[in-house]
Every structure is written in C-alpha cells, then in structure tokens.
C-alpha cells in the first residue's frame, strides 16, 4: 500500500468504527431516537472529514446519501439498515482507494 493511501484508509476505518459504536450504544440503551440523532451528527462530521482528507467528491457521496424508508415496525432494525447503508458506502470508498492487487 502506498504511503498516501494509508491515512485515507485509516480515516475510513475510523469512521466505520464510530458508526458501529453508535449502533452498539443504541442497541444497548434501547434508544433508537438518540441513536438516529448520533448517526445524523456523525454523518455531518464524517462527510466533512472525508471531504477534507479524501476530496470533495468522496465527502459529497456520503453527505448526499439518503437511505430510503424502512417499514419494518422495528426501530432498531431501521436504524441498523441506515447504518449499514453508510457502512457500505465507506467500504466502497475504501475499496476504491486500495492499491490494485492489495488484499481485502
């Protein structure tokens, strides 16, 4: 991996960890309203950080995401689906930034 890609990949990995922590906290607290608020705040911070370090196109990809409605009648599952949408976006960015031929 080139030295230039490592900091960008580290930023993406940290954002994935923060997102997972938000979901875990919401699950533990059984408070999806607070979880949703934390995800909204995380998204704004993460999009700005990613835009600053990876480029405005990457930041916009995250900030412009608007996961569709989920009608499961389970608020925790709906929050989990939203988090998964953002996680998939971050993983896609990470894959784009990884040098060709690199594992995972």
N, C-alpha and C. Protein backbone atom coordinates (compact mmCIF):
# COMPACT_ATOMS: atom_id res chain seq x y z
N UNK A 1 0.85 -1.17 0.00
CA UNK A 1 0.00 0.00 0.00
C UNK A 1 0.89 1.23 0.00
N UNK A 2 0.56 2.20 -0.80
CA UNK A 2 1.35 3.42 -0.84
C UNK A 2 1.13 4.23 0.42
N UNK A 3 2.13 5.03 0.76
CA UNK A 3 2.04 5.84 1.97
C UNK A 3 0.90 6.84 1.88
N UNK A 4 0.57 7.31 0.69
CA UNK A 4 -0.51 8.29 0.52
C UNK A 4 -1.89 7.72 0.77
N UNK A 5 -2.08 6.45 0.49
CA UNK A 5 -3.40 5.84 0.66
C UNK A 5 -3.68 5.43 2.10
N UNK A 6 -2.63 5.16 2.86
CA UNK A 6 -2.83 4.67 4.23
C UNK A 6 -3.61 5.64 5.12
N UNK A 7 -3.27 6.93 5.17
CA UNK A 7 -4.06 7.83 6.01
C UNK A 7 -5.53 7.89 5.60
N UNK A 8 -5.80 7.87 4.31
CA UNK A 8 -7.18 7.90 3.83
C UNK A 8 -7.92 6.63 4.26
N UNK A 9 -7.26 5.50 4.14
CA UNK A 9 -7.88 4.24 4.55
C UNK A 9 -8.10 4.22 6.06
N UNK A 10 -7.16 4.79 6.82
CA UNK A 10 -7.30 4.87 8.27
C UNK A 10 -8.50 5.73 8.66
N UNK A 11 -8.70 6.83 7.96
CA UNK A 11 -9.85 7.70 8.23
C UNK A 11 -11.15 6.94 7.97
N UNK A 12 -11.22 6.24 6.87
CA UNK A 12 -12.43 5.47 6.56
C UNK A 12 -12.67 4.39 7.60
N UNK A 13 -11.61 3.71 8.00
CA UNK A 13 -11.75 2.65 9.00
C UNK A 13 -12.24 3.23 10.33
N UNK A 14 -11.73 4.39 10.71
CA UNK A 14 -12.16 5.03 11.95
C UNK A 14 -13.64 5.41 11.87
N UNK A 15 -14.09 5.87 10.73
CA UNK A 15 -15.50 6.25 10.58
C UNK A 15 -16.41 5.02 10.67
N UNK A 16 -15.95 3.90 10.13
CA UNK A 16 -16.72 2.65 10.24
C UNK A 16 -16.83 2.25 11.71
N UNK A 17 -15.72 2.36 12.44
CA UNK A 17 -15.74 2.01 13.87
C UNK A 17 -16.68 2.92 14.66
N UNK A 18 -16.66 4.22 14.35
CA UNK A 18 -17.55 5.15 15.04
C UNK A 18 -19.02 4.80 14.75
N UNK A 19 -19.31 4.48 13.52
CA UNK A 19 -20.67 4.12 13.14
C UNK A 19 -21.12 2.85 13.86
N UNK A 20 -20.25 1.87 13.93
CA UNK A 20 -20.56 0.63 14.64
C UNK A 20 -20.79 0.90 16.13
N UNK A 21 -20.00 1.81 16.70
CA UNK A 21 -20.15 2.15 18.12
C UNK A 21 -21.49 2.83 18.38
N UNK A 22 -21.92 3.68 17.48
CA UNK A 22 -23.22 4.35 17.63
C UNK A 22 -24.34 3.32 17.64
N UNK A 23 -24.29 2.37 16.71
CA UNK A 23 -25.32 1.34 16.64
C UNK A 23 -25.29 0.47 17.90
N UNK A 24 -24.11 0.11 18.34
CA UNK A 24 -23.98 -0.72 19.54
C UNK A 24 -24.55 0.00 20.76
N UNK A 25 -24.27 1.30 20.88
CA UNK A 25 -24.78 2.08 22.01
C UNK A 25 -26.31 2.17 21.96
N UNK A 26 -26.86 2.39 20.77
CA UNK A 26 -28.31 2.46 20.63
C UNK A 26 -28.95 1.12 20.98
N UNK A 27 -28.30 0.03 20.60
CA UNK A 27 -28.82 -1.30 20.92
C UNK A 27 -28.77 -1.55 22.42
N UNK A 28 -27.69 -1.15 23.04
CA UNK A 28 -27.53 -1.35 24.48
C UNK A 28 -28.53 -0.50 25.26
N UNK A 29 -28.69 0.75 24.84
CA UNK A 29 -29.59 1.67 25.55
C UNK A 29 -31.06 1.46 25.19
N UNK A 30 -31.30 0.74 24.10
CA UNK A 30 -32.65 0.61 23.54
C UNK A 30 -33.27 1.99 23.29
N UNK A 31 -32.43 2.89 22.76
CA UNK A 31 -32.86 4.25 22.49
C UNK A 31 -32.52 4.58 21.04
N UNK A 32 -33.44 4.27 20.17
CA UNK A 32 -33.19 4.49 18.74
C UNK A 32 -33.29 5.96 18.36
N UNK A 33 -34.03 6.75 19.12
CA UNK A 33 -34.14 8.18 18.81
C UNK A 33 -32.77 8.84 19.01
N UNK A 34 -32.13 8.56 20.14
CA UNK A 34 -30.80 9.10 20.38
C UNK A 34 -29.81 8.53 19.36
N UNK A 35 -29.96 7.26 19.01
CA UNK A 35 -29.10 6.65 18.00
C UNK A 35 -29.22 7.34 16.66
N UNK A 36 -30.43 7.64 16.26
CA UNK A 36 -30.68 8.34 14.99
C UNK A 36 -30.03 9.73 15.02
N UNK A 37 -30.16 10.42 16.15
CA UNK A 37 -29.55 11.74 16.28
C UNK A 37 -28.03 11.64 16.18
N UNK A 38 -27.45 10.63 16.81
CA UNK A 38 -26.00 10.44 16.76
C UNK A 38 -25.55 10.11 15.33
N UNK A 39 -26.32 9.31 14.62
CA UNK A 39 -25.97 8.98 13.24
C UNK A 39 -26.01 10.25 12.38
N UNK A 40 -27.00 11.09 12.59
CA UNK A 40 -27.11 12.33 11.82
C UNK A 40 -25.90 13.23 12.08
N UNK A 41 -25.52 13.37 13.34
CA UNK A 41 -24.34 14.18 13.68
C UNK A 41 -23.07 13.55 13.14
N UNK A 42 -22.97 12.22 13.24
CA UNK A 42 -21.80 11.51 12.73
C UNK A 42 -21.67 11.76 11.23
N UNK A 43 -22.78 11.66 10.51
CA UNK A 43 -22.77 11.81 9.06
C UNK A 43 -22.22 13.18 8.66
N UNK A 44 -22.66 14.23 9.34
CA UNK A 44 -22.17 15.57 9.03
C UNK A 44 -20.67 15.69 9.29
N UNK A 45 -20.22 15.18 10.44
CA UNK A 45 -18.79 15.23 10.77
C UNK A 45 -17.97 14.38 9.81
N UNK A 46 -18.45 13.18 9.55
CA UNK A 46 -17.71 12.25 8.69
C UNK A 46 -17.61 12.77 7.26
N UNK A 47 -18.69 13.31 6.75
CA UNK A 47 -18.67 13.83 5.38
C UNK A 47 -17.67 14.98 5.26
N UNK A 48 -17.64 15.86 6.27
CA UNK A 48 -16.68 16.98 6.25
C UNK A 48 -15.25 16.46 6.33
N UNK A 49 -15.00 15.52 7.22
CA UNK A 49 -13.66 14.95 7.39
C UNK A 49 -13.21 14.24 6.12
N UNK A 50 -14.07 13.42 5.58
CA UNK A 50 -13.74 12.68 4.36
C UNK A 50 -13.52 13.64 3.20
N UNK A 51 -14.37 14.65 3.09
CA UNK A 51 -14.20 15.64 2.03
C UNK A 51 -12.88 16.38 2.15
N UNK A 52 -12.48 16.68 3.37
CA UNK A 52 -11.24 17.40 3.61
C UNK A 52 -10.01 16.54 3.29
N UNK A 53 -10.04 15.28 3.65
CA UNK A 53 -8.86 14.43 3.50
C UNK A 53 -8.83 13.58 2.24
N UNK A 54 -10.00 13.22 1.72
CA UNK A 54 -10.04 12.35 0.55
C UNK A 54 -10.46 13.09 -0.71
N UNK A 55 -11.09 14.24 -0.53
CA UNK A 55 -11.55 15.03 -1.67
C UNK A 55 -13.04 15.28 -1.58
N UNK A 56 -13.47 16.40 -2.13
CA UNK A 56 -14.88 16.78 -2.03
C UNK A 56 -15.86 15.78 -2.65
N UNK A 57 -15.43 15.06 -3.66
CA UNK A 57 -16.32 14.08 -4.27
C UNK A 57 -16.67 12.96 -3.29
N UNK A 58 -15.68 12.55 -2.50
CA UNK A 58 -15.93 11.49 -1.51
C UNK A 58 -16.83 12.00 -0.39
N UNK A 59 -16.57 13.21 0.07
CA UNK A 59 -17.41 13.78 1.12
C UNK A 59 -18.85 13.95 0.66
N UNK A 60 -19.03 14.39 -0.57
CA UNK A 60 -20.38 14.57 -1.13
C UNK A 60 -21.11 13.24 -1.27
N UNK A 61 -20.39 12.21 -1.61
CA UNK A 61 -21.04 10.89 -1.74
C UNK A 61 -21.71 10.50 -0.44
N UNK A 62 -21.02 10.75 0.67
CA UNK A 62 -21.59 10.40 1.96
C UNK A 62 -22.69 11.39 2.36
N UNK A 63 -22.43 12.67 2.22
CA UNK A 63 -23.41 13.66 2.67
C UNK A 63 -24.68 13.63 1.83
N UNK A 64 -24.58 13.25 0.56
CA UNK A 64 -25.75 13.20 -0.31
C UNK A 64 -26.57 11.92 -0.15
N UNK A 65 -26.03 10.97 0.59
CA UNK A 65 -26.78 9.72 0.80
C UNK A 65 -28.03 10.00 1.60
N UNK A 66 -29.10 9.38 1.20
CA UNK A 66 -30.36 9.49 1.91
C UNK A 66 -31.04 8.13 1.85
N UNK A 67 -30.66 7.24 2.79
CA UNK A 67 -31.25 5.91 2.76
C UNK A 67 -32.78 5.98 2.77
N UNK A 68 -33.36 5.18 1.96
CA UNK A 68 -34.82 5.18 1.85
C UNK A 68 -35.50 4.71 3.12
N UNK A 69 -36.79 4.90 3.16
CA UNK A 69 -37.53 4.48 4.35
C UNK A 69 -37.53 2.97 4.51
N UNK A 70 -37.63 2.57 5.73
CA UNK A 70 -37.69 1.15 6.06
C UNK A 70 -38.96 0.95 6.86
N UNK A 71 -39.76 0.02 6.47
CA UNK A 71 -41.05 -0.17 7.12
C UNK A 71 -41.10 -1.52 7.83
N UNK A 72 -40.21 -1.69 8.79
CA UNK A 72 -40.15 -2.98 9.48
C UNK A 72 -40.93 -2.98 10.78
N UNK A 73 -41.38 -1.80 11.24
CA UNK A 73 -42.03 -1.66 12.55
C UNK A 73 -41.09 -2.05 13.68
N UNK A 74 -39.80 -2.01 13.42
CA UNK A 74 -38.78 -2.28 14.41
C UNK A 74 -37.75 -1.15 14.28
N UNK A 75 -37.80 -0.20 15.19
CA UNK A 75 -36.96 0.99 15.08
C UNK A 75 -35.48 0.66 15.11
N UNK A 76 -35.09 -0.33 15.89
CA UNK A 76 -33.68 -0.70 15.94
C UNK A 76 -33.23 -1.31 14.61
N UNK A 77 -34.08 -2.10 14.02
CA UNK A 77 -33.74 -2.68 12.71
C UNK A 77 -33.65 -1.59 11.64
N UNK A 78 -34.53 -0.60 11.72
CA UNK A 78 -34.49 0.51 10.77
C UNK A 78 -33.20 1.30 10.92
N UNK A 79 -32.79 1.55 12.18
CA UNK A 79 -31.53 2.25 12.42
C UNK A 79 -30.36 1.41 11.91
N UNK A 80 -30.42 0.12 12.14
CA UNK A 80 -29.38 -0.78 11.66
C UNK A 80 -29.28 -0.76 10.14
N UNK A 81 -30.42 -0.71 9.47
CA UNK A 81 -30.41 -0.64 8.00
C UNK A 81 -29.77 0.65 7.51
N UNK A 82 -30.06 1.77 8.20
CA UNK A 82 -29.46 3.05 7.82
C UNK A 82 -27.95 3.01 8.02
N UNK A 83 -27.52 2.50 9.16
CA UNK A 83 -26.09 2.39 9.45
C UNK A 83 -25.41 1.51 8.40
N UNK A 84 -26.06 0.43 8.02
CA UNK A 84 -25.49 -0.48 7.02
C UNK A 84 -25.31 0.22 5.68
N UNK A 85 -26.24 1.10 5.32
CA UNK A 85 -26.11 1.86 4.07
C UNK A 85 -24.85 2.71 4.08
N UNK A 86 -24.62 3.40 5.20
CA UNK A 86 -23.42 4.23 5.31
C UNK A 86 -22.16 3.38 5.35
N UNK A 87 -22.23 2.27 6.04
CA UNK A 87 -21.07 1.37 6.13
C UNK A 87 -20.70 0.86 4.73
N UNK A 88 -21.68 0.49 3.94
CA UNK A 88 -21.42 0.01 2.58
C UNK A 88 -20.76 1.10 1.74
N UNK A 89 -21.20 2.33 1.90
CA UNK A 89 -20.60 3.46 1.18
C UNK A 89 -19.13 3.62 1.57
N UNK A 90 -18.85 3.55 2.87
CA UNK A 90 -17.48 3.69 3.34
C UNK A 90 -16.60 2.54 2.85
N UNK A 91 -17.15 1.32 2.85
CA UNK A 91 -16.39 0.17 2.35
C UNK A 91 -16.10 0.33 0.85
N UNK A 92 -17.06 0.85 0.09
CA UNK A 92 -16.84 1.07 -1.34
C UNK A 92 -15.73 2.09 -1.56
N UNK A 93 -15.72 3.16 -0.76
CA UNK A 93 -14.65 4.15 -0.86
C UNK A 93 -13.30 3.52 -0.54
N UNK A 94 -13.29 2.71 0.51
CA UNK A 94 -12.06 2.05 0.93
C UNK A 94 -11.53 1.15 -0.19
N UNK A 95 -12.43 0.43 -0.83
CA UNK A 95 -12.02 -0.46 -1.92
C UNK A 95 -11.45 0.33 -3.09
N UNK A 96 -12.05 1.48 -3.39
CA UNK A 96 -11.55 2.33 -4.48
C UNK A 96 -10.15 2.84 -4.20
N UNK A 97 -9.86 3.11 -2.93
CA UNK A 97 -8.57 3.70 -2.56
C UNK A 97 -7.46 2.68 -2.40
N UNK A 98 -7.82 1.43 -2.23
CA UNK A 98 -6.80 0.40 -2.06
C UNK A 98 -6.06 0.19 -3.36
N UNK A 99 -4.75 0.05 -3.27
CA UNK A 99 -3.97 -0.22 -4.48
C UNK A 99 -4.41 -1.53 -5.14
N UNK A 100 -4.32 -1.56 -6.42
CA UNK A 100 -4.68 -2.78 -7.16
C UNK A 100 -3.77 -3.91 -6.72
N UNK A 101 -4.36 -5.07 -6.51
CA UNK A 101 -3.59 -6.23 -6.11
C UNK A 101 -3.46 -6.38 -4.60
N UNK A 102 -3.96 -5.39 -3.83
CA UNK A 102 -3.88 -5.47 -2.37
C UNK A 102 -5.01 -6.34 -1.88
N UNK A 103 -4.79 -7.07 -0.83
CA UNK A 103 -5.81 -7.95 -0.27
C UNK A 103 -6.86 -7.19 0.49
N UNK A 104 -8.01 -7.86 0.78
CA UNK A 104 -9.19 -7.37 1.50
C UNK A 104 -9.71 -6.18 0.91
